[in-house]
Amino acid sequence: MIVRRAIPALLMLMAAPLIGCGARRGADAVEPAEAAPVSVQTAAVQEKLVNRTLGVTGTLAAAEEAEVAAETAGRVVSTPVERGSRVGEGAALVGLAPLEAQAQALEAEANVAQLEARLALVERTPFDVDDVPEVKSAMAARDLAEADFGRIKNLLEQRVVSQAEYDLRRTQADATRNQYATARNSAQQQYRMLEASRARASLARKALADTVVRAPFAGLVVERKVSVGDFVTRGTKVATVVRVNPLRLELTVPEQSIGLIQTGQPVRLTVDAYPGRTFEGQVRFVAPALRVDQRAMVVEAMVDNDDGALKPGMFVAAQVELAATDASFVVPTAALHGAAGVSHVYVVHGDRVEQRMVTPGVLVGDLTEIVKGLKTGDTVAVGAIGTLTDGARIFVTGVTASAPAGTPAQLK
């Protein structure tokens, strides 16, 4: 019992000097010196219109594709193009034997010339029935007979001629009037025949021209379907031609973004075949309805392809430039701090900074849009990533000017 009571007392005596020593050390301790100011630059929060873009994908297609067919029957005698040939509008694709068409055209032209000669028509002179020679002759005979009848009528009143002479002259005058009317009708019928002959001649000339099958527009020959010696009929497809400048770009826009798309918006696109190269286009058509199976809308843009680098069927990544609406707060991207998806900036208050959580938006060149967390009049610290802390003192070494927000930003 005596030993057990003595041990605690002994421990207390041994601890007493240590407690006193610790107390003296606490009294003599020196407060740590405040950290030195952090050198930073500052930038004022600005409001700018941010030109946004919507990222979509799509496929290039030919602006036009035509299955060119023969418009007349005949045997193929020439094929001046091959698959892949670049042709201009009206270029010859296939030639057919022209002999029969030439003969028909000559016959039709001869019929036209015969009727024009009969009617005494001069080229580019309008038709006047009274200028036809037969009508002129009938008109002269009528005028002469009527003049004679007028004289006889006066003589009859003077009783110089007999009634029989008067009746004869009157009958002659009536006959010449009828002959004149008949001549006019005949001339008008011949003119209608001439019009029909001219129409047949026009068809014959067209049939002759159709012996050469031509490209309907400038483009590329995808396929030639006939060879020399083949006999084709009207409607036989002889070649496939596609227009490759410009190209159509069919884009798929998700349902939640359809309200952002309008005709006339610029489009920038890239393809894997040409890394680093950007092509330009413009929205031309917005579909009136969504595709039910995809819950997406088809948008069509036209893309210039002057050098022929782009090909139908290529897959593209496109950025549709959207119209800027409300101004947004922007700060230099170097002012943003954070990790694990959480972002913050340091707002300057005098010679100290305040850590403030923010919600960043899109990148605009060297700037970043701040959707939430800042207000007009705020100034943020730029740089010193990993060095600044909430409440830290700063030393301002300069002011960073916010660059113009002119670079389109991609919607996330």
Protein backbone atom coordinates (compact mmCIF):
# COMPACT_ATOMS: atom_id res chain seq x y z
CA MET A 1 0.00 0.00 0.00
CA ILE A 2 2.79 2.46 0.85
CA VAL A 3 4.54 1.76 -2.47
CA ARG A 4 1.39 2.36 -4.58
CA ARG A 5 0.76 5.77 -2.96
CA ALA A 6 4.37 6.89 -3.44
CA ILE A 7 4.45 6.34 -7.24
CA PRO A 8 1.89 9.04 -8.21
CA ALA A 9 3.56 11.57 -5.97
CA LEU A 10 6.91 10.84 -7.52
CA LEU A 11 5.48 11.31 -11.05
CA MET A 12 4.03 14.70 -10.11
CA LEU A 13 7.37 15.90 -8.77
CA MET A 14 9.14 14.84 -11.97
CA ALA A 15 6.57 16.63 -14.22
CA ALA A 16 6.67 19.94 -12.36
CA PRO A 17 9.98 21.22 -13.87
CA LEU A 18 8.77 20.30 -17.34
CA ILE A 19 5.52 22.26 -16.91
CA GLY A 20 7.42 25.29 -15.72
CA CYS A 21 9.82 25.12 -18.63
CA GLY A 22 6.93 24.91 -21.16
CA ALA A 23 5.31 27.93 -19.57
CA ARG A 24 8.46 29.99 -19.94
CA ARG A 25 8.86 28.95 -23.56
CA GLY A 26 5.25 30.07 -24.37
CA ALA A 27 5.91 33.41 -22.79
CA ASP A 28 9.13 33.95 -24.70
CA ALA A 29 7.67 32.83 -28.20
CA VAL A 30 7.59 35.41 -31.17
CA GLU A 31 4.59 35.84 -33.50
CA PRO A 32 5.41 34.65 -37.15
CA ALA A 33 5.97 37.47 -39.68
CA GLU A 34 3.12 38.23 -42.20
CA ALA A 35 3.65 36.79 -45.71
CA ALA A 36 5.10 39.11 -48.33
CA PRO A 37 2.65 40.63 -50.89
CA VAL A 38 2.06 38.61 -54.07
CA SER A 39 2.89 40.42 -57.33
CA VAL A 40 -0.10 40.37 -59.68
CA GLN A 41 -1.64 42.27 -62.52
CA THR A 42 -5.28 43.31 -62.45
CA ALA A 43 -8.08 43.47 -64.99
CA ALA A 44 -11.46 45.10 -64.78
CA VAL A 45 -14.51 42.92 -65.44
CA GLN A 46 -16.00 44.01 -68.75
CA GLU A 47 -19.28 43.47 -70.54
CA LYS A 48 -18.93 42.43 -74.18
CA LEU A 49 -21.06 40.88 -76.87
CA VAL A 50 -19.85 37.34 -77.31
CA ASN A 51 -20.22 35.81 -80.76
CA ARG A 52 -21.11 32.21 -80.07
CA THR A 53 -20.98 29.17 -82.28
CA LEU A 54 -22.86 25.90 -82.19
CA GLY A 55 -20.80 22.80 -82.87
CA VAL A 56 -22.54 20.27 -85.11
CA THR A 57 -21.57 17.55 -87.58
CA GLY A 58 -22.74 16.84 -91.08
CA THR A 59 -22.04 15.40 -94.50
CA LEU A 60 -21.21 17.06 -97.80
CA ALA A 61 -23.34 16.35 -100.84
CA ALA A 62 -23.37 17.54 -104.43
CA ALA A 63 -25.35 20.71 -104.98
CA GLU A 64 -27.03 19.05 -107.97
CA GLU A 65 -26.92 15.62 -109.54
CA ALA A 66 -28.38 14.84 -112.94
CA GLU A 67 -28.91 11.57 -114.76
CA VAL A 68 -28.47 12.98 -118.26
CA ALA A 69 -30.58 11.18 -120.90
CA ALA A 70 -30.74 11.25 -124.68
CA GLU A 71 -33.63 13.25 -126.13
CA THR A 72 -33.58 11.55 -129.50
CA ALA A 73 -32.85 8.07 -130.80
CA GLY A 74 -29.64 7.21 -132.58
CA ARG A 75 -26.40 5.29 -132.57
CA VAL A 76 -23.56 6.52 -130.37
CA VAL A 77 -20.64 7.72 -132.51
CA SER A 78 -18.53 9.59 -129.94
CA THR A 79 -17.94 9.71 -126.18
CA PRO A 80 -15.64 12.69 -125.48
CA VAL A 81 -15.77 12.35 -121.66
CA GLU A 82 -14.72 9.72 -119.16
CA ARG A 83 -15.51 9.12 -115.50
CA GLY A 84 -14.07 11.98 -113.44
CA SER A 85 -13.93 14.44 -116.34
CA ARG A 86 -14.59 18.05 -115.37
CA VAL A 87 -17.08 19.62 -117.79
CA GLY A 88 -18.57 23.04 -118.29
CA GLU A 89 -22.21 23.86 -118.84
CA GLY A 90 -23.20 22.71 -122.33
CA ALA A 91 -20.13 20.53 -122.85
CA ALA A 92 -20.63 17.48 -125.09
CA LEU A 93 -21.05 14.21 -123.22
CA VAL A 94 -22.14 11.82 -125.99
CA GLY A 95 -22.54 12.22 -129.76
CA LEU A 96 -25.19 10.40 -131.84
CA ALA A 97 -25.24 9.81 -135.59
CA PRO A 98 -26.63 13.05 -137.10
CA LEU A 99 -27.37 12.04 -140.71
CA GLU A 100 -31.12 11.37 -140.41
CA ALA A 101 -31.70 14.43 -138.26
CA GLN A 102 -29.80 16.60 -140.73
CA ALA A 103 -31.97 15.41 -143.62
CA GLN A 104 -35.17 16.08 -141.71
CA ALA A 105 -33.96 19.54 -140.78
CA LEU A 106 -33.12 20.36 -144.41
CA GLU A 107 -36.54 19.18 -145.57
CA ALA A 108 -38.30 21.28 -142.97
CA GLU A 109 -36.26 24.35 -143.87
CA ALA A 110 -37.10 23.85 -147.57
CA ASN A 111 -40.83 23.74 -146.83
CA VAL A 112 -40.55 26.97 -144.89
CA ALA A 113 -38.65 28.66 -147.72
CA GLN A 114 -41.26 27.55 -150.30
CA LEU A 115 -44.16 29.03 -148.36
CA GLU A 116 -42.29 32.23 -147.63
CA ALA A 117 -41.61 32.65 -151.35
CA ARG A 118 -45.25 32.06 -152.22
CA LEU A 119 -46.30 34.72 -149.75
CA ALA A 120 -43.46 37.05 -150.83
CA LEU A 121 -42.31 37.36 -147.22
CA VAL A 122 -39.08 39.17 -146.54
CA GLU A 123 -37.05 38.09 -143.50
CA ARG A 124 -38.04 39.93 -140.31
CA THR A 125 -40.94 41.66 -142.08
CA PRO A 126 -44.36 41.23 -140.42
CA PHE A 127 -47.02 39.44 -142.43
CA ASP A 128 -49.56 41.66 -144.24
CA VAL A 129 -52.16 39.77 -146.23
CA ASP A 130 -52.63 42.63 -148.68
CA ASP A 131 -48.93 42.44 -149.64
CA VAL A 132 -49.33 38.89 -151.02
CA PRO A 133 -49.05 39.01 -154.87
CA GLU A 134 -52.26 37.02 -155.49
CA VAL A 135 -54.18 39.27 -153.12
CA LYS A 136 -52.76 42.38 -154.77
CA SER A 137 -53.87 41.11 -158.20
CA ALA A 138 -57.37 40.35 -156.93
CA MET A 139 -57.54 43.72 -155.28
CA ALA A 140 -56.60 45.49 -158.53
CA ALA A 141 -59.22 43.55 -160.50
CA ARG A 142 -61.86 44.42 -157.91
CA ASP A 143 -60.98 48.11 -157.96
CA LEU A 144 -61.14 48.19 -161.78
CA ALA A 145 -64.50 46.39 -161.91
CA GLU A 146 -65.98 48.69 -159.27
CA ALA A 147 -64.75 51.75 -161.17
CA ASP A 148 -66.36 50.46 -164.41
CA PHE A 149 -69.57 49.68 -162.59
CA GLY A 150 -69.64 53.22 -161.19
CA ARG A 151 -69.34 54.73 -164.66
CA ILE A 152 -72.02 52.44 -166.11
CA LYS A 153 -74.32 53.34 -163.29
CA ASN A 154 -74.03 57.04 -164.15
CA LEU A 155 -74.58 56.33 -167.84
CA LEU A 156 -77.65 54.26 -167.05
CA GLU A 157 -79.17 57.19 -165.17
CA GLN A 158 -78.55 59.28 -168.28
CA ARG A 159 -80.06 56.48 -170.38
CA VAL A 160 -76.92 56.21 -172.47
CA VAL A 161 -76.44 52.44 -171.88
CA SER A 162 -78.88 49.62 -171.66
CA GLN A 163 -80.04 47.79 -168.56
CA ALA A 164 -78.28 44.66 -169.78
CA GLU A 165 -74.92 46.45 -169.89
CA TYR A 166 -75.51 47.73 -166.38
CA ASP A 167 -76.34 44.25 -165.05
CA LEU A 168 -73.22 42.81 -166.69
CA ARG A 169 -70.95 45.38 -165.07
CA ARG A 170 -72.58 44.89 -161.70
CA THR A 171 -72.05 41.13 -161.90
CA GLN A 172 -68.41 41.61 -162.79
CA ALA A 173 -67.90 43.93 -159.82
CA ASP A 174 -69.49 41.37 -157.46
CA ALA A 175 -67.31 38.60 -158.88
CA THR A 176 -64.07 40.56 -158.43
CA ARG A 177 -65.00 41.35 -154.80
CA ASN A 178 -65.52 37.65 -154.15
CA GLN A 179 -62.23 36.81 -155.85
CA TYR A 180 -60.46 39.34 -153.64
CA ALA A 181 -61.98 37.83 -150.50
CA THR A 182 -61.01 34.34 -151.68
CA ALA A 183 -57.45 35.45 -152.33
CA ARG A 184 -57.20 36.93 -148.85
CA ASN A 185 -58.49 33.72 -147.23
CA SER A 186 -56.07 31.63 -149.28
CA ALA A 187 -53.15 33.84 -148.29
CA GLN A 188 -54.07 33.63 -144.61
CA GLN A 189 -54.31 29.83 -144.83
CA GLN A 190 -50.90 29.69 -146.47
CA TYR A 191 -49.49 31.84 -143.67
CA ARG A 192 -50.87 29.41 -141.07
CA MET A 193 -49.24 26.62 -143.03
CA LEU A 194 -46.02 28.58 -142.92
CA GLU A 195 -46.26 28.87 -139.14
CA ALA A 196 -46.76 25.09 -138.90
CA SER A 197 -43.77 24.53 -141.19
CA ARG A 198 -41.66 26.84 -139.09
CA ALA A 199 -42.65 24.86 -135.97
CA ARG A 200 -41.69 21.59 -137.69
CA ALA A 201 -38.40 23.15 -138.76
CA SER A 202 -37.75 24.22 -135.18
CA LEU A 203 -38.40 20.67 -133.97
CA ALA A 204 -36.12 19.32 -136.70
CA ARG A 205 -33.34 21.69 -135.67
CA LYS A 206 -33.78 20.63 -132.06
CA ALA A 207 -33.64 16.96 -133.05
CA LEU A 208 -30.40 17.69 -134.87
CA ALA A 209 -28.99 19.54 -131.85
CA ASP A 210 -30.08 16.66 -129.61
CA THR A 211 -27.74 14.32 -131.43
CA VAL A 212 -25.11 15.81 -129.12
CA VAL A 213 -26.02 15.15 -125.46
CA ARG A 214 -24.68 18.04 -123.39
CA ALA A 215 -24.00 18.70 -119.70
CA PRO A 216 -26.86 20.63 -118.03
CA PHE A 217 -24.43 22.45 -115.72
CA ALA A 218 -20.73 22.68 -114.89
CA GLY A 219 -19.48 19.81 -112.77
CA LEU A 220 -17.90 16.38 -112.77
CA VAL A 221 -18.84 13.28 -114.74
CA VAL A 222 -19.50 10.55 -112.18
CA GLU A 223 -20.32 7.86 -114.71
CA ARG A 224 -20.60 7.39 -118.48
CA LYS A 225 -23.17 4.68 -119.22
CA VAL A 226 -22.86 4.15 -122.99
CA SER A 227 -20.08 3.40 -125.46
CA VAL A 228 -19.50 3.98 -129.16
CA GLY A 229 -21.76 1.68 -131.18
CA ASP A 230 -24.59 1.51 -128.64
CA PHE A 231 -28.06 2.41 -129.92
CA VAL A 232 -30.00 4.66 -127.57
CA THR A 233 -33.64 5.67 -127.58
CA ARG A 234 -35.30 8.78 -126.24
CA GLY A 235 -34.91 8.74 -122.46
CA THR A 236 -31.89 6.43 -122.31
CA LYS A 237 -29.51 7.59 -119.53
CA VAL A 238 -26.06 8.20 -120.95
CA ALA A 239 -24.12 9.88 -118.10
CA THR A 240 -24.31 11.14 -114.52
CA VAL A 241 -23.09 14.67 -113.79
CA VAL A 242 -22.78 16.33 -110.38
CA ARG A 243 -22.25 19.97 -109.47
CA VAL A 244 -19.42 20.25 -106.94
CA ASN A 245 -19.16 24.03 -106.61
CA PRO A 246 -20.81 24.95 -104.40
CA LEU A 247 -21.51 21.86 -102.29
CA ARG A 248 -24.50 21.22 -100.04
CA LEU A 249 -23.73 20.59 -96.37
CA GLU A 250 -26.40 18.68 -94.48
CA LEU A 251 -26.08 19.35 -90.74
CA THR A 252 -27.87 17.60 -87.89
CA VAL A 253 -28.92 20.02 -85.15
CA PRO A 254 -30.16 18.57 -81.83
CA GLU A 255 -33.66 19.45 -80.71
CA GLN A 256 -32.56 21.71 -77.83
CA SER A 257 -30.60 23.96 -80.21
CA ILE A 258 -33.05 24.40 -83.09
CA GLY A 259 -34.14 27.83 -81.85
CA LEU A 260 -30.59 29.14 -82.39
CA ILE A 261 -30.44 28.39 -86.14
CA GLN A 262 -31.57 30.82 -88.83
CA THR A 263 -31.01 31.10 -92.57
CA GLY A 264 -28.08 33.28 -93.54
CA GLN A 265 -25.87 32.37 -90.56
CA PRO A 266 -22.18 31.81 -91.43
CA VAL A 267 -20.77 28.30 -91.09
CA ARG A 268 -17.12 27.31 -90.66
CA LEU A 269 -16.19 23.67 -91.22
CA THR A 270 -13.20 21.37 -91.14
CA VAL A 271 -12.56 17.92 -92.60
CA ASP A 272 -10.03 15.28 -91.59
CA ALA A 273 -8.51 15.29 -95.08
CA TYR A 274 -7.16 18.84 -94.63
CA PRO A 275 -6.01 19.37 -91.01
CA GLY A 276 -5.79 23.00 -90.02
CA ARG A 277 -7.78 24.26 -93.01
CA THR A 278 -11.15 25.94 -92.54
CA PHE A 279 -13.85 26.24 -95.20
CA GLU A 280 -16.65 28.78 -95.26
CA GLY A 281 -20.37 28.37 -95.91
CA GLN A 282 -23.77 29.83 -95.16
CA VAL A 283 -27.04 28.37 -93.88
CA ARG A 284 -29.56 28.25 -96.74
CA PHE A 285 -32.37 26.02 -95.52
CA VAL A 286 -33.83 25.08 -92.15
CA ALA A 287 -36.14 22.07 -92.16
CA PRO A 288 -39.71 22.79 -91.00
CA ALA A 289 -39.88 19.56 -88.97
CA LEU A 290 -37.64 17.29 -86.91
CA ARG A 291 -36.61 13.76 -87.76
CA VAL A 292 -38.61 11.62 -85.41
CA ASP A 293 -36.03 8.84 -85.26
CA GLN A 294 -33.21 11.22 -84.27
CA ARG A 295 -35.07 14.02 -82.47
CA ALA A 296 -32.97 16.37 -84.55
CA MET A 297 -33.45 18.88 -87.34
CA VAL A 298 -31.75 18.96 -90.72
CA VAL A 299 -30.09 22.24 -91.68
CA GLU A 300 -28.62 22.78 -95.13
CA ALA A 301 -25.73 25.12 -95.87
CA MET A 302 -23.96 25.97 -99.11
CA VAL A 303 -20.16 25.72 -99.08
CA ASP A 304 -17.84 27.28 -101.67
CA ASN A 305 -15.56 24.73 -103.34
CA ASP A 306 -13.69 26.75 -105.96
CA ASP A 307 -10.57 24.58 -105.89
CA GLY A 308 -12.48 21.30 -105.76
CA ALA A 309 -10.76 20.20 -102.55
CA LEU A 310 -14.03 19.10 -100.92
CA LYS A 311 -15.75 15.97 -102.16
CA PRO A 312 -19.37 14.83 -101.84
CA GLY A 313 -19.74 12.32 -99.01
CA MET A 314 -17.07 13.83 -96.73
CA PHE A 315 -17.85 13.95 -93.00
CA VAL A 316 -17.35 17.43 -91.53
CA ALA A 317 -17.26 19.14 -88.15
CA ALA A 318 -18.95 22.53 -88.42
CA GLN A 319 -19.38 25.62 -86.30
CA VAL A 320 -22.53 27.65 -86.94
CA GLU A 321 -21.99 31.26 -85.91
CA LEU A 322 -24.88 32.48 -83.80
CA ALA A 323 -26.00 36.06 -83.45
CA ALA A 324 -24.76 37.87 -80.32
CA THR A 325 -27.65 38.79 -78.04
CA ASP A 326 -27.02 40.05 -74.47
CA ALA A 327 -23.66 41.31 -73.26
CA SER A 328 -21.66 38.95 -71.05
CA PHE A 329 -19.04 39.49 -68.34
CA VAL A 330 -15.55 38.54 -69.52
CA VAL A 331 -12.20 38.34 -67.75
CA PRO A 332 -8.74 37.24 -68.90
CA THR A 333 -8.48 33.47 -68.82
CA ALA A 334 -5.32 33.83 -66.70
CA ALA A 335 -7.50 35.17 -63.88
CA LEU A 336 -9.27 31.83 -63.43
CA HIS A 337 -8.16 29.39 -60.73
CA GLY A 338 -9.57 26.04 -59.79
CA ALA A 339 -9.48 22.30 -60.00
CA ALA A 340 -11.83 19.34 -60.19
CA GLY A 341 -14.39 21.34 -62.14
CA VAL A 342 -14.65 24.15 -59.53
CA SER A 343 -13.52 27.61 -60.65
CA HIS A 344 -12.85 30.80 -58.72
CA VAL A 345 -11.23 34.19 -59.17
CA TYR A 346 -9.63 36.63 -56.75
CA VAL A 347 -11.47 39.94 -56.58
CA VAL A 348 -9.25 42.88 -55.64
CA HIS A 349 -10.20 45.00 -52.59
CA GLY A 350 -7.48 47.54 -51.99
CA ASP A 351 -4.25 45.67 -51.33
CA ARG A 352 -5.97 42.35 -50.62
CA VAL A 353 -7.96 39.83 -52.57
CA GLU A 354 -11.16 37.96 -51.92
CA GLN A 355 -11.68 34.48 -53.27
CA ARG A 356 -14.98 34.23 -55.15
CA MET A 357 -16.54 31.19 -56.78
CA VAL A 358 -17.59 31.73 -60.40
CA THR A 359 -19.29 29.84 -63.23
CA PRO A 360 -17.25 30.15 -66.43
CA GLY A 361 -18.86 30.12 -69.86
CA VAL A 362 -17.19 29.97 -73.23
CA LEU A 363 -13.71 30.89 -74.33
CA VAL A 364 -13.40 34.04 -76.44
CA GLY A 365 -9.79 34.26 -77.55
CA ASP A 366 -7.74 35.10 -74.43
CA LEU A 367 -10.89 35.87 -72.46
CA THR A 368 -13.39 33.69 -70.64
CA GLU A 369 -17.05 34.44 -70.20
CA ILE A 370 -18.24 34.48 -66.59
CA VAL A 371 -21.84 33.38 -66.36
CA LYS A 372 -22.22 33.80 -62.61
CA GLY A 373 -20.21 35.22 -59.73
CA LEU A 374 -19.07 38.67 -60.89
CA LYS A 375 -20.70 42.04 -61.35
CA THR A 376 -20.01 45.35 -63.03
CA GLY A 377 -17.18 47.24 -61.33
CA ASP A 378 -15.31 44.20 -60.05
CA THR A 379 -11.55 43.95 -60.63
CA VAL A 380 -9.78 40.60 -60.60
CA ALA A 381 -6.19 39.55 -60.06
CA VAL A 382 -4.47 38.07 -63.08
CA GLY A 383 -1.75 35.43 -62.77
CA ALA A 384 -0.09 34.04 -59.63
CA ILE A 385 -1.77 30.69 -60.19
CA GLY A 386 -1.31 28.51 -57.09
CA THR A 387 0.11 31.40 -55.03
CA LEU A 388 -2.91 33.52 -54.12
CA THR A 389 -5.13 32.67 -51.19
CA ASP A 390 -8.26 34.23 -49.78
CA GLY A 391 -7.35 37.48 -48.01
CA ALA A 392 -3.75 37.54 -49.29
CA ARG A 393 -1.97 40.85 -49.72
CA ILE A 394 -1.03 41.79 -53.26
CA PHE A 395 1.32 44.15 -55.04
CA VAL A 396 -0.10 45.38 -58.37
CA THR A 397 2.55 45.45 -61.07
CA GLY A 398 0.32 46.41 -63.99
CA VAL A 399 -3.13 46.37 -65.58
CA THR A 400 -4.17 43.76 -68.13
CA ALA A 401 -6.42 45.13 -70.85
CA SER A 402 -9.24 42.82 -71.94
CA ALA A 403 -8.80 42.00 -75.62
CA PRO A 404 -11.75 42.51 -77.97
CA ALA A 405 -14.25 39.68 -77.81
CA GLY A 406 -14.26 39.13 -81.54
CA THR A 407 -13.41 35.45 -81.80
CA PRO A 408 -16.49 33.22 -81.99
CA ALA A 409 -16.92 30.99 -78.98
CA GLN A 410 -18.20 27.46 -79.07
CA LEU A 411 -21.27 26.59 -77.06
CA LYS A 412 -20.71 23.79 -74.59
